[in-house]
Amino acid sequence: MKLRQNAKHFAYRKALETPGIRSVANSGLVRLHTKIFTGKADPARAEERKEHLDALFDATMDTYLRALQEGYSEAEAREITHIQANFDFYNHGWTEMMEIPVDELEAHYDRYGEFFERWDVTIDEPLGQFAPPAGLPEAPSTPELLDDPDHPHAEGGFADDVYVETDDGELVVGGQEEPEDVDVSQAVGGYEEE
């Protein structure tokens, strides 16, 4: 998968790992992701998916932190959460929101298979043990879109590793090193873009 990565992503990470501001950072990142992905949704369906997406992204913040604790890089941990979201989109037939082509789902799963298996994450159960006890709020599916998937936001050919695009437009395999002087204030309250 191809992701963007800049200093803000490291600030988000630090904010999520810092007691006292984690809940503020979590809430802001959930809102940000829901806004981004409802913006990719069919406009006639965006509002009906909002509550489901809020809960989905809230759960993936726990996945992100667990992946970091297990030694995955910032880019890898974030990619894991994006893969989970894409499994959910696929299961609902929300192909227009997908970031990876349908035919690359298994390849992405396999790259993180050890992590996913440990936490009971599957394509059919994208959150595994990270799912909220009551499950996610229901949202209408569009399974008919899986017959001939249209995913204008998906970029294929990046299933073999994590690729990040820097602010300079450079494509880096594996991601960037964390800067030494991460400023958490760049994250808290500044959720306008991912």
C-alpha atoms as a PDB file:
ATOM      1  CA  MET A   1       0.000   0.000   0.000  1.00  0.00           C
ATOM      2  CA  LYS A   2       1.154   3.510  -0.630  1.00  0.00           C
ATOM      3  CA  LEU A   3       0.755   5.957   2.255  1.00  0.00           C
ATOM      4  CA  ARG A   4       1.871   9.488   2.888  1.00  0.00           C
ATOM      5  CA  GLN A   5       4.232  10.103   5.790  1.00  0.00           C
ATOM      6  CA  ASN A   6       5.481  13.348   7.244  1.00  0.00           C
ATOM      7  CA  ALA A   7       6.352  14.879  10.619  1.00  0.00           C
ATOM      8  CA  LYS A   8       2.669  15.132  11.518  1.00  0.00           C
ATOM      9  CA  HIS A   9       2.271  11.356  11.425  1.00  0.00           C
ATOM     10  CA  PHE A  10       4.998  11.023  14.043  1.00  0.00           C
ATOM     11  CA  ALA A  11       3.318  13.761  16.088  1.00  0.00           C
ATOM     12  CA  TYR A  12       0.012  11.833  15.889  1.00  0.00           C
ATOM     13  CA  ARG A  13       1.849   8.738  17.098  1.00  0.00           C
ATOM     14  CA  LYS A  14       3.401  10.575  20.024  1.00  0.00           C
ATOM     15  CA  ALA A  15       0.043  12.134  20.937  1.00  0.00           C
ATOM     16  CA  LEU A  16      -1.656   8.713  20.941  1.00  0.00           C
ATOM     17  CA  GLU A  17       1.093   7.330  23.162  1.00  0.00           C
ATOM     18  CA  THR A  18       0.921  10.211  25.657  1.00  0.00           C
ATOM     19  CA  PRO A  19      -1.439   9.841  28.638  1.00  0.00           C
ATOM     20  CA  GLY A  20      -3.618  12.866  29.137  1.00  0.00           C
ATOM     21  CA  ILE A  21      -3.809  13.826  25.487  1.00  0.00           C
ATOM     22  CA  ARG A  22      -4.449  10.381  23.973  1.00  0.00           C
ATOM     23  CA  SER A  23      -8.238  10.758  24.059  1.00  0.00           C
ATOM     24  CA  VAL A  24      -8.071  14.165  22.356  1.00  0.00           C
ATOM     25  CA  ALA A  25      -5.720  12.810  19.690  1.00  0.00           C
ATOM     26  CA  ASN A  26      -7.830   9.686  19.229  1.00  0.00           C
ATOM     27  CA  SER A  27     -11.023  11.692  18.817  1.00  0.00           C
ATOM     28  CA  GLY A  28      -9.410  14.058  16.323  1.00  0.00           C
ATOM     29  CA  LEU A  29      -7.933  11.231  14.259  1.00  0.00           C
ATOM     30  CA  VAL A  30     -11.265   9.386  14.177  1.00  0.00           C
ATOM     31  CA  ARG A  31     -13.006  12.532  12.917  1.00  0.00           C
ATOM     32  CA  LEU A  32     -10.258  13.079  10.352  1.00  0.00           C
ATOM     33  CA  HIS A  33     -10.451   9.542   8.966  1.00  0.00           C
ATOM     34  CA  THR A  34     -14.244   9.535   8.865  1.00  0.00           C
ATOM     35  CA  LYS A  35     -14.172  12.840   6.977  1.00  0.00           C
ATOM     36  CA  ILE A  36     -11.609  11.536   4.483  1.00  0.00           C
ATOM     37  CA  PHE A  37     -13.439   8.303   3.773  1.00  0.00           C
ATOM     38  CA  THR A  38     -16.962   9.722   3.680  1.00  0.00           C
ATOM     39  CA  GLY A  39     -15.455  12.112   1.125  1.00  0.00           C
ATOM     40  CA  LYS A  40     -14.505   9.074  -0.981  1.00  0.00           C
ATOM     41  CA  ALA A  41     -17.925   7.454  -0.546  1.00  0.00           C
ATOM     42  CA  ASP A  42     -20.841   7.717  -2.923  1.00  0.00           C
ATOM     43  CA  PRO A  43     -22.281  11.086  -1.788  1.00  0.00           C
ATOM     44  CA  ALA A  44     -25.755   9.546  -1.517  1.00  0.00           C
ATOM     45  CA  ARG A  45     -24.384   7.013   0.993  1.00  0.00           C
ATOM     46  CA  ALA A  46     -21.799   8.994   2.961  1.00  0.00           C
ATOM     47  CA  GLU A  47     -24.018  10.071   5.864  1.00  0.00           C
ATOM     48  CA  GLU A  48     -25.414   6.579   6.488  1.00  0.00           C
ATOM     49  CA  ARG A  49     -21.852   5.240   6.878  1.00  0.00           C
ATOM     50  CA  LYS A  50     -20.581   7.905   9.282  1.00  0.00           C
ATOM     51  CA  GLU A  51     -21.442   6.231  12.601  1.00  0.00           C
ATOM     52  CA  HIS A  52     -20.015   2.901  11.401  1.00  0.00           C
ATOM     53  CA  LEU A  53     -16.802   4.573  10.235  1.00  0.00           C
ATOM     54  CA  ASP A  54     -16.399   6.482  13.505  1.00  0.00           C
ATOM     55  CA  ALA A  55     -16.506   3.200  15.440  1.00  0.00           C
ATOM     56  CA  LEU A  56     -14.278   1.406  12.922  1.00  0.00           C
ATOM     57  CA  PHE A  57     -11.565   4.044  13.064  1.00  0.00           C
ATOM     58  CA  ASP A  58     -11.800   4.278  16.847  1.00  0.00           C
ATOM     59  CA  ALA A  59     -11.086   0.525  17.052  1.00  0.00           C
ATOM     60  CA  THR A  60      -8.182   0.757  14.608  1.00  0.00           C
ATOM     61  CA  MET A  61      -6.448   3.264  16.892  1.00  0.00           C
ATOM     62  CA  ASP A  62      -6.065   0.389  19.378  1.00  0.00           C
ATOM     63  CA  THR A  63      -4.670  -1.789  16.594  1.00  0.00           C
ATOM     64  CA  TYR A  64      -2.196   0.954  15.680  1.00  0.00           C
ATOM     65  CA  LEU A  65      -0.905   1.240  19.246  1.00  0.00           C
ATOM     66  CA  ARG A  66      -0.648  -2.537  19.648  1.00  0.00           C
ATOM     67  CA  ALA A  67       1.322  -2.848  16.395  1.00  0.00           C
ATOM     68  CA  LEU A  68       3.723  -0.146  17.590  1.00  0.00           C
ATOM     69  CA  GLN A  69       4.137  -1.947  20.922  1.00  0.00           C
ATOM     70  CA  GLU A  70       4.992  -5.120  19.003  1.00  0.00           C
ATOM     71  CA  GLY A  71       7.789  -3.344  17.154  1.00  0.00           C
ATOM     72  CA  TYR A  72       6.206  -2.405  13.849  1.00  0.00           C
ATOM     73  CA  SER A  73       7.321   0.912  12.397  1.00  0.00           C
ATOM     74  CA  GLU A  74       4.964   3.884  12.297  1.00  0.00           C
ATOM     75  CA  ALA A  75       4.272   3.304   8.601  1.00  0.00           C
ATOM     76  CA  GLU A  76       3.700  -0.439   9.087  1.00  0.00           C
ATOM     77  CA  ALA A  77       1.374   0.093  12.061  1.00  0.00           C
ATOM     78  CA  ARG A  78      -0.623   2.651  10.120  1.00  0.00           C
ATOM     79  CA  GLU A  79      -0.735   0.397   7.065  1.00  0.00           C
ATOM     80  CA  ILE A  80      -2.121  -2.427   9.208  1.00  0.00           C
ATOM     81  CA  THR A  81      -5.023  -0.191  10.228  1.00  0.00           C
ATOM     82  CA  HIS A  82      -5.659   0.894   6.657  1.00  0.00           C
ATOM     83  CA  ILE A  83      -5.723  -2.742   5.573  1.00  0.00           C
ATOM     84  CA  GLN A  84      -8.301  -3.471   8.291  1.00  0.00           C
ATOM     85  CA  ALA A  85     -10.433  -0.592   7.026  1.00  0.00           C
ATOM     86  CA  ASN A  86     -10.160  -1.853   3.454  1.00  0.00           C
ATOM     87  CA  PHE A  87     -11.295  -5.317   4.563  1.00  0.00           C
ATOM     88  CA  ASP A  88     -14.344  -3.667   6.128  1.00  0.00           C
ATOM     89  CA  PHE A  89     -15.028  -1.622   2.996  1.00  0.00           C
ATOM     90  CA  TYR A  90     -14.739  -4.773   0.883  1.00  0.00           C
ATOM     91  CA  ASN A  91     -17.111  -6.706   3.149  1.00  0.00           C
ATOM     92  CA  HIS A  92     -19.687  -3.951   2.738  1.00  0.00           C
ATOM     93  CA  GLY A  93     -19.160  -3.589  -1.007  1.00  0.00           C
ATOM     94  CA  TRP A  94     -17.947  -0.002  -0.503  1.00  0.00           C
ATOM     95  CA  THR A  95     -15.467  -0.381  -3.324  1.00  0.00           C
ATOM     96  CA  GLU A  96     -15.341   3.319  -4.151  1.00  0.00           C
ATOM     97  CA  MET A  97     -13.715   3.916  -0.753  1.00  0.00           C
ATOM     98  CA  MET A  98     -11.023   1.254  -1.110  1.00  0.00           C
ATOM     99  CA  GLU A  99      -7.337   2.204  -1.215  1.00  0.00           C
ATOM    100  CA  ILE A 100      -6.159  -1.140  -2.572  1.00  0.00           C
ATOM    101  CA  PRO A 101      -7.637  -3.190  -5.410  1.00  0.00           C
ATOM    102  CA  VAL A 102      -9.869  -6.103  -4.469  1.00  0.00           C
ATOM    103  CA  ASP A 103      -7.405  -8.577  -5.988  1.00  0.00           C
ATOM    104  CA  GLU A 104      -4.625  -7.423  -3.626  1.00  0.00           C
ATOM    105  CA  LEU A 105      -6.501  -7.942  -0.343  1.00  0.00           C
ATOM    106  CA  GLU A 106      -5.003 -11.377   0.337  1.00  0.00           C
ATOM    107  CA  ALA A 107      -1.461 -10.236  -0.475  1.00  0.00           C
ATOM    108  CA  HIS A 108      -1.802  -7.403   2.034  1.00  0.00           C
ATOM    109  CA  TYR A 109      -3.226  -9.798   4.615  1.00  0.00           C
ATOM    110  CA  ASP A 110      -0.354 -12.233   4.097  1.00  0.00           C
ATOM    111  CA  ARG A 111       2.319  -9.566   4.689  1.00  0.00           C
ATOM    112  CA  TYR A 112       1.005  -9.022   8.211  1.00  0.00           C
ATOM    113  CA  GLY A 113      -0.382 -12.536   8.642  1.00  0.00           C
ATOM    114  CA  GLU A 114       1.479 -13.195  11.884  1.00  0.00           C
ATOM    115  CA  PHE A 115       0.061 -10.059  13.519  1.00  0.00           C
ATOM    116  CA  PHE A 116      -3.424 -10.589  12.099  1.00  0.00           C
ATOM    117  CA  GLU A 117      -3.569 -14.237  13.183  1.00  0.00           C
ATOM    118  CA  ARG A 118      -2.399 -13.404  16.710  1.00  0.00           C
ATOM    119  CA  TRP A 119      -5.269 -10.906  17.055  1.00  0.00           C
ATOM    120  CA  ASP A 120      -7.909 -12.941  15.135  1.00  0.00           C
ATOM    121  CA  VAL A 121      -8.077 -10.406  12.311  1.00  0.00           C
ATOM    122  CA  THR A 122      -9.313 -11.856   9.023  1.00  0.00           C
ATOM    123  CA  ILE A 123     -10.716 -10.378   5.840  1.00  0.00           C
ATOM    124  CA  ASP A 124     -14.185 -11.423   7.057  1.00  0.00           C
ATOM    125  CA  GLU A 125     -13.550 -10.125  10.611  1.00  0.00           C
ATOM    126  CA  PRO A 126     -11.381  -7.044  10.024  1.00  0.00           C
ATOM    127  CA  LEU A 127     -11.117  -5.976  13.653  1.00  0.00           C
ATOM    128  CA  GLY A 128     -10.640  -9.385  15.277  1.00  0.00           C
ATOM    129  CA  GLN A 129      -9.980  -8.885  18.999  1.00  0.00           C
ATOM    130  CA  PHE A 130      -9.939  -5.112  18.496  1.00  0.00           C
ATOM    131  CA  ALA A 131     -13.677  -5.072  17.778  1.00  0.00           C
ATOM    132  CA  PRO A 132     -15.812  -3.227  20.326  1.00  0.00           C
ATOM    133  CA  PRO A 133     -17.809  -5.637  22.553  1.00  0.00           C
ATOM    134  CA  ALA A 134     -21.132  -4.534  21.039  1.00  0.00           C
ATOM    135  CA  GLY A 135     -19.741  -4.655  17.499  1.00  0.00           C
ATOM    136  CA  LEU A 136     -19.808  -1.816  14.995  1.00  0.00           C
ATOM    137  CA  PRO A 137     -22.965   0.136  14.216  1.00  0.00           C
ATOM    138  CA  GLU A 138     -24.747  -1.287  11.188  1.00  0.00           C
ATOM    139  CA  ALA A 139     -24.527   0.499   7.858  1.00  0.00           C
ATOM    140  CA  PRO A 140     -26.147  -0.524   4.566  1.00  0.00           C
ATOM    141  CA  SER A 141     -23.970  -2.632   2.281  1.00  0.00           C
ATOM    142  CA  THR A 142     -23.699  -2.397  -1.495  1.00  0.00           C
ATOM    143  CA  PRO A 143     -22.583  -5.969  -2.350  1.00  0.00           C
ATOM    144  CA  GLU A 144     -23.593  -5.554  -5.978  1.00  0.00           C
ATOM    145  CA  LEU A 145     -20.557  -3.309  -6.459  1.00  0.00           C
ATOM    146  CA  LEU A 146     -18.277  -6.297  -5.854  1.00  0.00           C
ATOM    147  CA  ASP A 147     -19.447  -7.853  -9.153  1.00  0.00           C
ATOM    148  CA  ASP A 148     -17.573  -5.197 -11.102  1.00  0.00           C
ATOM    149  CA  PRO A 149     -15.573  -3.233  -8.519  1.00  0.00           C
ATOM    150  CA  ASP A 150     -14.856   0.395  -9.202  1.00  0.00           C
ATOM    151  CA  HIS A 151     -12.240   1.727  -6.841  1.00  0.00           C
ATOM    152  CA  PRO A 152     -11.001   5.092  -8.099  1.00  0.00           C
ATOM    153  CA  HIS A 153      -8.958   5.702  -4.942  1.00  0.00           C
ATOM    154  CA  ALA A 154      -7.119   2.355  -5.034  1.00  0.00           C
ATOM    155  CA  GLU A 155      -3.515   2.136  -6.163  1.00  0.00           C
ATOM    156  CA  GLY A 156      -2.327  -1.303  -7.193  1.00  0.00           C
ATOM    157  CA  GLY A 157       1.187  -2.678  -7.322  1.00  0.00           C
ATOM    158  CA  PHE A 158       2.156  -1.859  -3.735  1.00  0.00           C
ATOM    159  CA  ALA A 159       1.264  -5.170  -2.058  1.00  0.00           C
ATOM    160  CA  ASP A 160       4.826  -6.399  -1.488  1.00  0.00           C
ATOM    161  CA  ASP A 161       5.894  -3.784   1.084  1.00  0.00           C
ATOM    162  CA  VAL A 162       4.856  -0.554   2.769  1.00  0.00           C
ATOM    163  CA  TYR A 163       5.570   2.439   0.563  1.00  0.00           C
ATOM    164  CA  VAL A 164       5.440   5.997   1.820  1.00  0.00           C
ATOM    165  CA  GLU A 165       5.402   9.193  -0.128  1.00  0.00           C
ATOM    166  CA  THR A 166       7.292  11.991   1.601  1.00  0.00           C
ATOM    167  CA  ASP A 167       6.394  15.674   1.535  1.00  0.00           C
ATOM    168  CA  ASP A 168       8.924  16.004  -1.294  1.00  0.00           C
ATOM    169  CA  GLY A 169       7.051  13.424  -3.367  1.00  0.00           C
ATOM    170  CA  GLU A 170       9.802  10.825  -2.938  1.00  0.00           C
ATOM    171  CA  LEU A 171       8.610   7.218  -2.670  1.00  0.00           C
ATOM    172  CA  VAL A 172      10.401   5.417   0.185  1.00  0.00           C
ATOM    173  CA  VAL A 173      10.095   1.682   0.765  1.00  0.00           C
ATOM    174  CA  GLY A 174       9.536   0.865   4.433  1.00  0.00           C
ATOM    175  CA  GLY A 175       8.931   4.426   5.593  1.00  0.00           C
ATOM    176  CA  GLN A 176      11.021   7.176   7.100  1.00  0.00           C
ATOM    177  CA  GLU A 177      12.950   7.272  10.354  1.00  0.00           C
ATOM    178  CA  GLU A 178      11.213   9.056  13.197  1.00  0.00           C
ATOM    179  CA  PRO A 179      12.553  12.589  13.628  1.00  0.00           C
ATOM    180  CA  GLU A 180      14.341  13.312  16.906  1.00  0.00           C
ATOM    181  CA  ASP A 181      12.335  16.429  17.692  1.00  0.00           C
ATOM    182  CA  VAL A 182       8.710  15.343  17.337  1.00  0.00           C
ATOM    183  CA  ASP A 183       6.385  18.170  18.359  1.00  0.00           C
ATOM    184  CA  VAL A 184       3.128  16.742  19.699  1.00  0.00           C
ATOM    185  CA  SER A 185       1.447  20.136  19.297  1.00  0.00           C
ATOM    186  CA  GLN A 186       1.519  19.519  15.532  1.00  0.00           C
ATOM    187  CA  ALA A 187      -1.010  16.752  16.084  1.00  0.00           C
ATOM    188  CA  VAL A 188      -3.342  17.880  18.806  1.00  0.00           C
ATOM    189  CA  GLY A 189      -6.018  20.047  17.290  1.00  0.00           C
ATOM    190  CA  GLY A 190      -4.554  19.922  13.763  1.00  0.00           C
ATOM    191  CA  TYR A 191      -6.497  17.178  12.002  1.00  0.00           C
ATOM    192  CA  GLU A 192      -7.179  18.757   8.641  1.00  0.00           C
ATOM    193  CA  GLU A 193      -5.308  16.174   6.575  1.00  0.00           C
ATOM    194  CA  GLU A 194      -3.912  12.678   6.984  1.00  0.00           C
END
